[in-house]
Amino acid sequence: MASHSESIIREPLITGRDITYAQITNEVLNPVENKPNKAWWIGFTVASMGALLWVVAISYTFWFGLGAWGLNKTVGWAWDITGFVWWVGIGHAGTLISAVLLLFRQNWRNSINRSAEAMTIFAVICAATYIVAHMGRPWLAYFTLPLPNQYVLWVNWNSALMMDVFAISTYFSVSLVFWYTGLLPDIASIRDRATGLRRRIYSVMSFGWTGSVKTWQRFETVSLILAGISTPLVLSVHTIVSFDFATSLEPGWHTTIFPPYFVAGAIFSGFAMVQTLLLVTRKVLGLENYITMFHIESMNKIIMLTGSIVGVAYITEFFIAWYSGVEYEQYAFINRATGPYWWAYWSMMSCNVISPQLFWSSKLRRSIKFSWFLSIIVNIGMWFERFVIIVTSLHRDYIPSSWVMFYPTWVDVGVFIGSIGLFFTMFLLFIRVLPSVAMAEVKLLLKTSSEQAKKKLILEGHLEPAEVQHYKESLVKFDSIDMSDYEKI
């Protein structure tokens, strides 16, 4: 719990005048304690229709088998594994924000980590549904676990697909514990304000949180331990997912650049999805004072950086194919750019490499509408990336007589669009019953990193005129600050 004064040069992480601890609690818990507004109902209705489509498409798949999908003898993986890798990648930003930025003491994470962590859990659930559905006989999914049995069966530890099972399940378990641990003090706040049945439910969920000094000490210790455990997962999970491809001999897959390339792409798409969710959430729930332009710009900078890394990886892939001297490897990449799926490749390049470079412009980087639009473009591009890697590498293999095109069926489309509906349904229910901003962590910033704390330093005359002028200029970009308050300072 920091009590030091923060440099005036740093932009505030909380805006607004006369903000109190009680006001933070009231504003964050407003959507939890009151009836949902019209915007929430519209979003929930649309998302629920998508989730219903998912139920129909998955049920159809279970009833008629994988033949309902557009797979064929050459393209055995397509929209299913594309969706799986896409959802796992989206979940990466939550771990990075909650764990890595905590260890590096980046306080700007405090306002966005709760929603990002929830997004991680929901994204991993959506990814897992693809794996279970692709098994064909999902009721035998427990065969992937090393359980003693009478069938004399044992899992193949040499398979990257088996590594996937344990990587994803570990990732989900640790993320869930980390997320729920951070929720405990906020759930206790809801408990103390609730009555009747709601109070009893939140009492059970709060695990007897008392708010004593000893409780807070243990809470912070456990948070650091979980952050330390979670940090390697940022690198390991998508590295193991990349092994699904890199450990094969398939041209276009058999390359050692995949692990770092996949990790960078996962962080890239994950932060884009965080932007997609939070830019709408801050407006609908009135959280502009806590999710500020500083948070938005910081995430846009990370998107720009990781997008550049992904662009370098794309170029490196072509260089490796050329340098290898292997004609099959070279053709795989030429086919991506100029073959029947050229439109998917160039959509990927446009969305993932070219569009993030627009964030070099501070005006665009600080535009809320443009940031939201580009976050969607990035996630479209990352879906195309996984599609290009999987389908274009498979549809033309070593034997020209087996070359074939992949065409998705309505079931493929239904499962994918439905998974998006399922994801948003879970997220909308989350912000309805639990606080979307970590109240306890945001309150830590009120005395040091808020606009009113810095304004107090200015009024008390502790700062040089040049420092004051620099600070005032940095506030112009904030849409939640009234600059008229600084005209006489």
Protein backbone atom coordinates (compact mmCIF):
# COMPACT_ATOMS: atom_id res chain seq x y z
CA MET A 1 0.00 0.00 0.00
CA ALA A 2 2.10 2.85 -1.29
CA SER A 3 2.05 6.14 0.61
CA HIS A 4 4.82 7.91 -1.28
CA SER A 5 4.24 10.90 -3.54
CA GLU A 6 4.34 10.10 -7.24
CA SER A 7 6.17 12.26 -9.75
CA ILE A 8 3.99 15.00 -11.20
CA ILE A 9 5.35 14.14 -14.64
CA ARG A 10 3.37 10.91 -14.62
CA GLU A 11 -0.15 11.13 -15.94
CA PRO A 12 -2.96 10.38 -13.45
CA LEU A 13 -4.46 6.90 -13.28
CA ILE A 14 -7.70 8.18 -11.70
CA THR A 15 -9.41 11.32 -12.90
CA GLY A 16 -12.22 13.43 -11.50
CA ARG A 17 -12.51 15.93 -8.66
CA ASP A 18 -13.22 15.14 -5.00
CA ILE A 19 -13.10 11.37 -5.54
CA THR A 20 -13.50 9.42 -2.29
CA TYR A 21 -13.16 5.76 -1.38
CA ALA A 22 -16.92 5.57 -0.95
CA GLN A 23 -17.49 7.08 -4.40
CA ILE A 24 -15.20 4.49 -6.01
CA THR A 25 -17.19 1.72 -4.31
CA ASN A 26 -20.54 3.21 -5.35
CA GLU A 27 -19.58 3.78 -8.98
CA VAL A 28 -17.95 0.39 -9.49
CA LEU A 29 -20.75 -1.53 -7.78
CA ASN A 30 -23.55 0.43 -9.43
CA PRO A 31 -24.10 -2.12 -12.26
CA VAL A 32 -23.91 -4.99 -9.74
CA GLU A 33 -26.39 -3.61 -7.20
CA ASN A 34 -28.89 -2.00 -9.57
CA LYS A 35 -30.97 -3.17 -12.51
CA PRO A 36 -29.10 -3.40 -15.82
CA ASN A 37 -29.53 -0.55 -18.28
CA LYS A 38 -30.89 -0.76 -21.82
CA ALA A 39 -27.43 -1.10 -23.42
CA TRP A 40 -26.68 -4.16 -21.28
CA TRP A 41 -29.96 -5.82 -22.25
CA ILE A 42 -29.34 -5.19 -25.95
CA GLY A 43 -25.84 -6.66 -25.72
CA PHE A 44 -27.01 -9.62 -23.66
CA THR A 45 -29.86 -10.38 -26.07
CA VAL A 46 -27.54 -10.39 -29.10
CA ALA A 47 -24.87 -12.41 -27.27
CA SER A 48 -27.46 -14.93 -26.04
CA MET A 49 -28.71 -15.46 -29.59
CA GLY A 50 -25.12 -16.20 -30.58
CA ALA A 51 -24.76 -18.62 -27.67
CA LEU A 52 -27.97 -20.34 -28.77
CA LEU A 53 -26.51 -20.73 -32.26
CA TRP A 54 -23.46 -22.34 -30.64
CA VAL A 55 -25.68 -24.82 -28.80
CA VAL A 56 -27.49 -25.72 -32.03
CA ALA A 57 -24.25 -26.11 -34.05
CA ILE A 58 -22.48 -28.15 -31.36
CA SER A 59 -25.54 -30.36 -30.84
CA TYR A 60 -25.73 -30.95 -34.59
CA THR A 61 -22.04 -31.88 -34.59
CA PHE A 62 -22.43 -34.35 -31.72
CA TRP A 63 -25.47 -35.94 -33.37
CA PHE A 64 -24.18 -36.29 -36.95
CA GLY A 65 -20.42 -36.36 -36.29
CA LEU A 66 -17.53 -34.35 -37.69
CA GLY A 67 -18.78 -34.96 -41.21
CA ALA A 68 -21.06 -31.98 -40.55
CA TRP A 69 -17.96 -29.78 -40.80
CA GLY A 70 -16.23 -28.95 -44.07
CA LEU A 71 -13.21 -31.16 -43.34
CA ASN A 72 -11.94 -33.61 -45.96
CA LYS A 73 -9.18 -36.19 -46.37
CA THR A 74 -6.55 -33.51 -47.08
CA VAL A 75 -7.67 -30.68 -44.81
CA GLY A 76 -8.24 -32.46 -41.51
CA TRP A 77 -7.87 -29.28 -39.46
CA ALA A 78 -9.61 -26.04 -40.42
CA TRP A 79 -12.01 -23.70 -38.64
CA ASP A 80 -11.97 -25.89 -35.53
CA ILE A 81 -8.26 -25.62 -34.73
CA THR A 82 -8.25 -22.07 -36.10
CA GLY A 83 -10.86 -21.13 -33.51
CA PHE A 84 -9.05 -23.03 -30.76
CA VAL A 85 -5.73 -21.23 -31.28
CA TRP A 86 -7.50 -17.88 -31.73
CA TRP A 87 -9.31 -18.17 -28.40
CA VAL A 88 -6.22 -19.34 -26.51
CA GLY A 89 -4.33 -16.34 -27.89
CA ILE A 90 -7.05 -13.92 -26.82
CA GLY A 91 -6.74 -15.20 -23.26
CA HIS A 92 -3.05 -14.28 -23.04
CA ALA A 93 -3.47 -10.58 -22.26
CA GLY A 94 -5.24 -11.35 -18.99
CA THR A 95 -2.25 -13.27 -17.63
CA LEU A 96 0.18 -10.65 -18.85
CA ILE A 97 -1.76 -7.77 -17.28
CA SER A 98 -2.55 -9.53 -14.01
CA ALA A 99 0.76 -11.31 -13.38
CA VAL A 100 3.65 -9.79 -15.31
CA LEU A 101 2.63 -6.16 -14.82
CA LEU A 102 2.04 -6.86 -11.12
CA LEU A 103 5.58 -8.17 -10.70
CA PHE A 104 6.92 -5.11 -12.52
CA ARG A 105 4.81 -2.83 -10.27
CA GLN A 106 2.96 -1.24 -13.16
CA ASN A 107 0.08 0.44 -11.32
CA TRP A 108 -1.86 1.22 -14.49
CA ARG A 109 -2.90 -2.44 -14.52
CA ASN A 110 -5.08 -1.94 -11.43
CA SER A 111 -8.08 -0.62 -13.36
CA ILE A 112 -8.07 -3.17 -16.17
CA ASN A 113 -6.76 -6.41 -14.67
CA ARG A 114 -10.11 -7.68 -13.35
CA SER A 115 -11.87 -7.63 -16.73
CA ALA A 116 -8.76 -8.91 -18.51
CA GLU A 117 -8.51 -11.88 -16.13
CA ALA A 118 -12.21 -12.69 -16.60
CA MET A 119 -11.69 -12.46 -20.36
CA THR A 120 -8.88 -15.01 -20.07
CA ILE A 121 -11.08 -17.53 -18.29
CA PHE A 122 -13.98 -17.15 -20.73
CA ALA A 123 -11.65 -17.34 -23.75
CA VAL A 124 -10.05 -20.56 -22.49
CA ILE A 125 -13.52 -22.06 -21.96
CA CYS A 126 -14.40 -21.23 -25.59
CA ALA A 127 -11.09 -22.75 -26.75
CA ALA A 128 -11.72 -25.93 -24.77
CA THR A 129 -15.13 -26.39 -26.41
CA TYR A 130 -13.37 -26.67 -29.79
CA ILE A 131 -11.06 -29.41 -28.54
CA VAL A 132 -13.88 -31.42 -26.98
CA ALA A 133 -16.04 -31.03 -30.10
CA HIS A 134 -13.17 -32.09 -32.37
CA MET A 135 -12.70 -35.34 -30.47
CA GLY A 136 -15.73 -36.77 -32.26
CA ARG A 137 -16.63 -38.78 -29.17
CA PRO A 138 -16.44 -36.14 -26.44
CA TRP A 139 -17.75 -38.52 -23.79
CA LEU A 140 -14.34 -40.21 -23.98
CA ALA A 141 -12.45 -36.98 -23.29
CA TYR A 142 -11.15 -38.41 -20.02
CA PHE A 143 -8.93 -40.75 -22.08
CA THR A 144 -6.56 -37.79 -22.45
CA LEU A 145 -5.84 -37.87 -18.72
CA PRO A 146 -3.24 -40.25 -17.21
CA LEU A 147 -5.78 -42.13 -15.12
CA PRO A 148 -5.24 -45.77 -14.03
CA ASN A 149 -7.72 -47.89 -15.98
CA GLN A 150 -8.61 -51.42 -17.00
CA TYR A 151 -8.16 -50.77 -20.74
CA VAL A 152 -4.36 -50.91 -20.61
CA LEU A 153 -4.36 -47.45 -22.22
CA TRP A 154 -1.87 -44.71 -21.47
CA VAL A 155 -1.49 -41.26 -22.93
CA ASN A 156 1.24 -40.53 -25.48
CA TRP A 157 3.52 -38.00 -23.82
CA ASN A 158 5.44 -37.53 -27.08
CA SER A 159 2.40 -35.88 -28.67
CA ALA A 160 2.12 -32.09 -28.63
CA LEU A 161 -1.65 -32.56 -28.46
CA MET A 162 -1.23 -34.20 -25.05
CA MET A 163 0.95 -31.30 -23.95
CA ASP A 164 -1.93 -29.04 -25.00
CA VAL A 165 -4.31 -30.76 -22.60
CA PHE A 166 -2.06 -30.11 -19.61
CA ALA A 167 -0.95 -26.64 -20.71
CA ILE A 168 -4.50 -25.39 -21.20
CA SER A 169 -5.87 -27.03 -18.04
CA THR A 170 -3.00 -25.62 -15.96
CA TYR A 171 -3.46 -22.22 -17.54
CA PHE A 172 -7.18 -22.27 -16.78
CA SER A 173 -6.74 -23.47 -13.19
CA VAL A 174 -4.07 -20.94 -12.24
CA SER A 175 -5.90 -18.08 -13.99
CA LEU A 176 -9.14 -18.98 -12.21
CA VAL A 177 -7.47 -19.06 -8.77
CA PHE A 178 -5.63 -15.79 -9.46
CA TRP A 179 -8.80 -14.07 -10.65
CA TYR A 180 -10.94 -15.27 -7.76
CA THR A 181 -8.29 -14.44 -5.16
CA GLY A 182 -8.24 -10.84 -6.39
CA LEU A 183 -12.03 -10.75 -6.19
CA LEU A 184 -12.26 -11.66 -2.49
CA PRO A 185 -12.00 -8.14 -0.95
CA ASP A 186 -14.46 -6.76 -3.51
CA ILE A 187 -16.93 -9.60 -2.96
CA ALA A 188 -16.71 -8.85 0.77
CA SER A 189 -17.63 -5.22 0.01
CA ILE A 190 -20.72 -6.40 -1.88
CA ARG A 191 -21.56 -8.74 1.01
CA ASP A 192 -21.42 -5.92 3.55
CA ARG A 193 -23.79 -3.78 1.46
CA ALA A 194 -26.24 -6.55 0.48
CA THR A 195 -29.27 -7.89 2.32
CA GLY A 196 -31.26 -11.11 2.44
CA LEU A 197 -30.40 -13.93 0.04
CA ARG A 198 -27.81 -11.85 -1.84
CA ARG A 199 -25.92 -11.27 1.40
CA ARG A 200 -25.86 -15.01 2.17
CA ILE A 201 -24.63 -15.85 -1.34
CA TYR A 202 -21.85 -13.24 -1.30
CA SER A 203 -20.94 -14.30 2.26
CA VAL A 204 -20.19 -17.80 1.00
CA MET A 205 -18.32 -16.43 -2.01
CA SER A 206 -16.15 -14.12 0.14
CA PHE A 207 -14.65 -17.07 2.09
CA GLY A 208 -14.95 -15.23 5.40
CA TRP A 209 -12.92 -12.18 4.37
CA THR A 210 -12.54 -9.84 7.37
CA GLY A 211 -10.27 -7.10 6.04
CA SER A 212 -7.86 -7.39 8.99
CA VAL A 213 -4.18 -6.52 8.65
CA LYS A 214 -3.25 -10.20 8.73
CA THR A 215 -5.80 -10.94 5.98
CA TRP A 216 -4.37 -8.22 3.76
CA GLN A 217 -0.80 -9.43 4.36
CA ARG A 218 -1.73 -12.94 3.32
CA PHE A 219 -3.70 -11.63 0.36
CA GLU A 220 -0.73 -9.68 -1.00
CA THR A 221 1.64 -12.59 -0.38
CA VAL A 222 -0.62 -15.06 -2.18
CA SER A 223 -1.09 -12.58 -5.06
CA LEU A 224 2.67 -12.33 -5.57
CA ILE A 225 3.08 -16.12 -5.40
CA LEU A 226 0.32 -16.64 -7.96
CA ALA A 227 1.83 -13.92 -10.17
CA GLY A 228 5.15 -15.74 -10.05
CA ILE A 229 3.47 -19.02 -11.00
CA SER A 230 1.43 -17.39 -13.76
CA THR A 231 4.29 -15.51 -15.42
CA PRO A 232 5.90 -18.59 -17.03
CA LEU A 233 2.46 -19.49 -18.38
CA VAL A 234 2.53 -16.36 -20.56
CA LEU A 235 5.39 -17.96 -22.45
CA SER A 236 4.69 -21.66 -22.05
CA VAL A 237 1.03 -22.01 -23.01
CA HIS A 238 1.15 -20.61 -26.53
CA THR A 239 4.60 -22.11 -27.01
CA ILE A 240 3.08 -25.55 -26.44
CA VAL A 241 0.14 -24.66 -28.69
CA SER A 242 2.67 -23.82 -31.42
CA PHE A 243 4.20 -27.29 -30.96
CA ASP A 244 1.01 -28.71 -32.49
CA PHE A 245 2.41 -27.42 -35.77
CA ALA A 246 6.16 -26.92 -35.29
CA THR A 247 6.85 -30.55 -34.29
CA SER A 248 5.35 -31.88 -37.53
CA LEU A 249 7.09 -32.27 -40.89
CA GLU A 250 4.40 -30.33 -42.76
CA PRO A 251 5.86 -27.56 -45.01
CA GLY A 252 4.86 -24.21 -43.55
CA TRP A 253 4.70 -25.65 -40.03
CA HIS A 254 8.09 -27.23 -39.51
CA THR A 255 9.93 -24.16 -38.20
CA THR A 256 11.56 -23.14 -34.93
CA ILE A 257 10.26 -19.57 -35.04
CA PHE A 258 6.74 -20.64 -34.09
CA PRO A 259 7.02 -20.47 -30.25
CA PRO A 260 8.07 -16.77 -29.95
CA TYR A 261 5.96 -15.90 -32.98
CA PHE A 262 2.84 -17.45 -31.42
CA VAL A 263 3.47 -15.81 -28.02
CA ALA A 264 3.82 -12.35 -29.58
CA GLY A 265 0.69 -12.93 -31.66
CA ALA A 266 -1.23 -14.08 -28.59
CA ILE A 267 -0.36 -10.93 -26.63
CA PHE A 268 -1.19 -8.88 -29.73
CA SER A 269 -4.68 -10.35 -30.12
CA GLY A 270 -5.28 -10.47 -26.36
CA PHE A 271 -4.72 -6.76 -25.85
CA ALA A 272 -6.90 -6.03 -28.88
CA MET A 273 -9.76 -7.95 -27.27
CA VAL A 274 -9.21 -6.14 -23.96
CA GLN A 275 -9.61 -2.88 -25.87
CA THR A 276 -12.74 -4.15 -27.60
CA LEU A 277 -14.35 -5.00 -24.27
CA LEU A 278 -13.16 -2.15 -22.05
CA LEU A 279 -13.80 0.73 -24.45
CA VAL A 280 -17.47 -0.26 -24.48
CA THR A 281 -17.58 -1.18 -20.79
CA ARG A 282 -16.14 2.15 -19.60
CA LYS A 283 -18.79 4.02 -21.58
CA VAL A 284 -21.80 1.86 -20.75
CA LEU A 285 -20.94 1.54 -17.04
CA GLY A 286 -19.66 5.12 -16.64
CA LEU A 287 -16.11 4.14 -15.63
CA GLU A 288 -14.25 6.88 -17.53
CA ASN A 289 -12.57 8.12 -14.34
CA TYR A 290 -10.94 4.74 -13.71
CA ILE A 291 -10.26 3.44 -17.24
CA THR A 292 -8.64 6.57 -18.59
CA MET A 293 -7.01 7.67 -21.80
CA PHE A 294 -3.66 6.72 -20.24
CA HIS A 295 -4.78 3.07 -20.04
CA ILE A 296 -6.13 3.15 -23.59
CA GLU A 297 -2.97 4.69 -25.03
CA SER A 298 -0.71 2.30 -23.10
CA MET A 299 -2.55 -0.71 -24.50
CA ASN A 300 -2.41 0.77 -28.00
CA LYS A 301 1.37 1.07 -27.67
CA ILE A 302 1.60 -2.60 -26.72
CA ILE A 303 -0.60 -3.50 -29.71
CA MET A 304 1.70 -1.48 -31.97
CA LEU A 305 4.83 -3.17 -30.53
CA THR A 306 3.54 -6.73 -30.70
CA GLY A 307 2.07 -6.09 -34.16
CA SER A 308 5.53 -5.06 -35.32
CA ILE A 309 7.03 -8.23 -33.82
CA VAL A 310 4.43 -10.33 -35.63
CA GLY A 311 5.27 -8.49 -38.87
CA VAL A 312 8.95 -9.32 -38.44
CA ALA A 313 7.98 -12.96 -37.84
CA TYR A 314 6.04 -13.04 -41.11
CA ILE A 315 9.06 -11.72 -43.01
CA THR A 316 11.39 -14.13 -41.19
CA GLU A 317 9.22 -17.07 -42.24
CA PHE A 318 9.72 -16.18 -45.90
CA PHE A 319 13.46 -15.77 -45.36
CA ILE A 320 13.74 -19.15 -43.62
CA ALA A 321 11.81 -20.81 -46.46
CA TRP A 322 14.14 -19.23 -49.04
CA TYR A 323 17.32 -19.92 -47.08
CA SER A 324 16.37 -23.56 -46.41
CA GLY A 325 16.60 -24.43 -50.09
CA VAL A 326 13.70 -26.86 -49.64
CA GLU A 327 11.35 -26.46 -52.60
CA TYR A 328 8.34 -27.77 -50.66
CA GLU A 329 8.86 -25.20 -47.90
CA GLN A 330 9.33 -22.43 -50.47
CA TYR A 331 6.18 -23.41 -52.35
CA ALA A 332 4.14 -23.46 -49.12
CA PHE A 333 4.81 -19.75 -48.63
CA ILE A 334 4.47 -18.80 -52.28
CA ASN A 335 1.13 -20.62 -52.28
CA ARG A 336 0.01 -18.61 -49.24
CA ALA A 337 0.63 -15.30 -50.95
CA THR A 338 -0.39 -16.13 -54.51
CA GLY A 339 -2.47 -19.32 -54.34
CA PRO A 340 -6.23 -19.78 -54.08
CA TYR A 341 -6.26 -18.42 -50.54
CA TRP A 342 -4.27 -15.27 -51.38
CA TRP A 343 -7.14 -13.12 -50.09
CA ALA A 344 -6.78 -14.63 -46.61
CA TYR A 345 -3.02 -14.05 -46.58
CA TRP A 346 -3.23 -10.43 -47.64
CA SER A 347 -6.12 -9.79 -45.23
CA MET A 348 -3.84 -11.10 -42.50
CA MET A 349 -0.96 -8.85 -43.59
CA SER A 350 -3.20 -5.79 -43.84
CA CYS A 351 -4.85 -6.28 -40.46
CA ASN A 352 -1.84 -7.46 -38.45
CA VAL A 353 1.13 -5.65 -39.95
CA ILE A 354 -0.06 -2.50 -41.68
CA SER A 355 -3.01 -1.35 -39.56
CA PRO A 356 -1.21 -1.33 -36.12
CA GLN A 357 1.42 1.03 -37.56
CA LEU A 358 -1.29 3.71 -37.67
CA PHE A 359 -0.85 3.95 -33.90
CA TRP A 360 2.41 5.81 -34.46
CA SER A 361 0.09 8.78 -34.83
CA SER A 362 -0.69 10.11 -31.35
CA LYS A 363 -3.99 11.52 -32.63
CA LEU A 364 -5.19 8.06 -33.77
CA ARG A 365 -3.69 6.37 -30.72
CA ARG A 366 -5.80 8.60 -28.48
CA SER A 367 -9.00 8.30 -30.49
CA ILE A 368 -11.48 6.06 -28.70
CA LYS A 369 -13.54 5.28 -31.80
CA PHE A 370 -10.48 4.49 -33.89
CA SER A 371 -8.93 2.37 -31.11
CA TRP A 372 -12.10 0.30 -30.83
CA PHE A 373 -12.35 -0.11 -34.61
CA LEU A 374 -8.71 -1.14 -34.93
CA SER A 375 -8.99 -3.61 -32.04
CA ILE A 376 -11.65 -5.47 -34.03
CA ILE A 377 -9.52 -5.31 -37.19
CA VAL A 378 -6.59 -6.83 -35.29
CA ASN A 379 -8.66 -9.75 -34.03
CA ILE A 380 -10.03 -10.36 -37.51
CA GLY A 381 -6.44 -10.38 -38.78
CA MET A 382 -5.31 -12.80 -36.06
CA TRP A 383 -8.10 -15.19 -37.00
CA PHE A 384 -6.94 -15.03 -40.61
CA GLU A 385 -3.38 -15.70 -39.44
CA ARG A 386 -4.39 -19.00 -37.84
CA PHE A 387 -6.53 -19.87 -40.87
CA VAL A 388 -3.61 -19.19 -43.23
CA ILE A 389 -1.17 -21.23 -41.15
CA ILE A 390 -3.51 -24.22 -40.91
CA VAL A 391 -5.55 -24.43 -44.11
CA THR A 392 -3.09 -23.13 -46.72
CA SER A 393 -0.39 -25.48 -45.40
CA LEU A 394 -2.68 -28.50 -45.61
CA HIS A 395 -4.78 -28.05 -48.72
CA ARG A 396 -1.81 -28.56 -51.06
CA ASP A 397 0.49 -31.26 -49.72
CA TYR A 398 3.25 -33.36 -51.32
CA ILE A 399 0.87 -35.18 -53.69
CA PRO A 400 -0.85 -32.90 -56.28
CA SER A 401 -3.60 -35.48 -56.84
CA SER A 402 -4.79 -34.92 -53.25
CA TRP A 403 -4.89 -31.12 -53.51
CA VAL A 404 -8.31 -29.83 -52.52
CA MET A 405 -10.03 -26.67 -51.34
CA PHE A 406 -11.68 -26.28 -47.96
CA TYR A 407 -15.18 -24.81 -47.81
CA PRO A 408 -16.83 -24.26 -44.41
CA THR A 409 -20.35 -25.51 -43.79
CA TRP A 410 -23.03 -23.68 -41.83
CA VAL A 411 -22.00 -25.77 -38.83
CA ASP A 412 -18.40 -24.47 -39.01
CA VAL A 413 -19.68 -20.91 -39.18
CA GLY A 414 -22.28 -21.56 -36.48
CA VAL A 415 -19.75 -22.98 -34.02
CA PHE A 416 -17.39 -20.03 -34.54
CA ILE A 417 -19.98 -17.24 -34.38
CA GLY A 418 -21.68 -19.10 -31.56
CA SER A 419 -18.44 -19.24 -29.55
CA ILE A 420 -18.20 -15.45 -29.84
CA GLY A 421 -21.78 -15.21 -28.55
CA LEU A 422 -20.94 -17.60 -25.71
CA PHE A 423 -17.89 -15.49 -24.78
CA PHE A 424 -19.82 -12.22 -24.66
CA THR A 425 -22.70 -13.85 -22.77
CA MET A 426 -20.31 -14.96 -20.04
CA PHE A 427 -18.61 -11.54 -19.94
CA LEU A 428 -21.92 -9.66 -19.71
CA LEU A 429 -23.08 -11.92 -16.89
CA PHE A 430 -19.75 -11.33 -15.14
CA ILE A 431 -20.09 -7.53 -15.11
CA ARG A 432 -23.66 -7.99 -13.89
CA VAL A 433 -22.82 -10.00 -10.74
CA LEU A 434 -19.19 -9.06 -9.99
CA PRO A 435 -17.24 -5.75 -10.12
CA SER A 436 -15.51 -5.24 -13.46
CA VAL A 437 -12.87 -3.00 -11.87
CA ALA A 438 -10.73 -4.08 -8.90
CA MET A 439 -11.99 -1.60 -6.30
CA ALA A 440 -9.43 -2.49 -3.64
CA GLU A 441 -6.53 -2.01 -6.04
CA VAL A 442 -7.86 1.20 -7.55
CA LYS A 443 -8.27 2.70 -4.07
CA LEU A 444 -4.54 2.20 -3.50
CA LEU A 445 -3.89 4.79 -6.22
CA LEU A 446 -6.19 7.52 -4.88
CA LYS A 447 -3.64 9.23 -2.62
CA THR A 448 -0.70 9.07 -5.03
CA SER A 449 -1.69 8.58 -8.67
CA SER A 450 -5.02 10.38 -8.97
CA GLU A 451 -5.71 13.71 -10.62
CA GLN A 452 -6.81 15.27 -7.33
CA ALA A 453 -3.62 14.15 -5.52
CA LYS A 454 -1.45 15.76 -8.17
CA LYS A 455 -3.62 18.87 -8.22
CA LYS A 456 -3.16 19.18 -4.46
CA LEU A 457 0.62 19.20 -4.92
CA ILE A 458 0.29 22.01 -7.47
CA LEU A 459 -1.97 24.13 -5.24
CA GLU A 460 0.37 23.69 -2.27
CA GLY A 461 3.23 25.09 -4.33
CA HIS A 462 5.54 22.08 -4.16
CA LEU A 463 6.30 22.15 -7.87
CA GLU A 464 8.30 24.23 -10.31
CA PRO A 465 6.33 26.17 -12.98
CA ALA A 466 7.92 24.07 -15.74
CA GLU A 467 6.69 20.86 -14.07
CA VAL A 468 3.20 22.27 -13.71
CA GLN A 469 3.10 23.31 -17.36
CA HIS A 470 4.33 19.89 -18.50
CA TYR A 471 1.64 18.20 -16.41
CA LYS A 472 -1.14 20.43 -17.74
CA GLU A 473 -0.10 19.71 -21.32
CA SER A 474 -0.23 15.95 -20.66
CA LEU A 475 -3.87 16.24 -19.51
CA VAL A 476 -5.21 17.64 -22.78
CA LYS A 477 -5.68 14.15 -24.26
CA PHE A 478 -7.95 12.96 -21.40
CA ASP A 479 -11.64 12.85 -22.23
CA SER A 480 -12.54 12.60 -18.53
CA ILE A 481 -10.77 15.78 -17.35
CA ASP A 482 -12.26 19.28 -17.37
CA MET A 483 -9.33 21.49 -18.43
CA SER A 484 -11.17 24.62 -17.27
CA ASP A 485 -10.15 23.64 -13.72
CA TYR A 486 -6.52 24.33 -14.65
CA GLU A 487 -6.90 27.68 -16.40
CA LYS A 488 -6.10 29.69 -13.26
CA ILE A 489 -3.35 27.39 -11.99
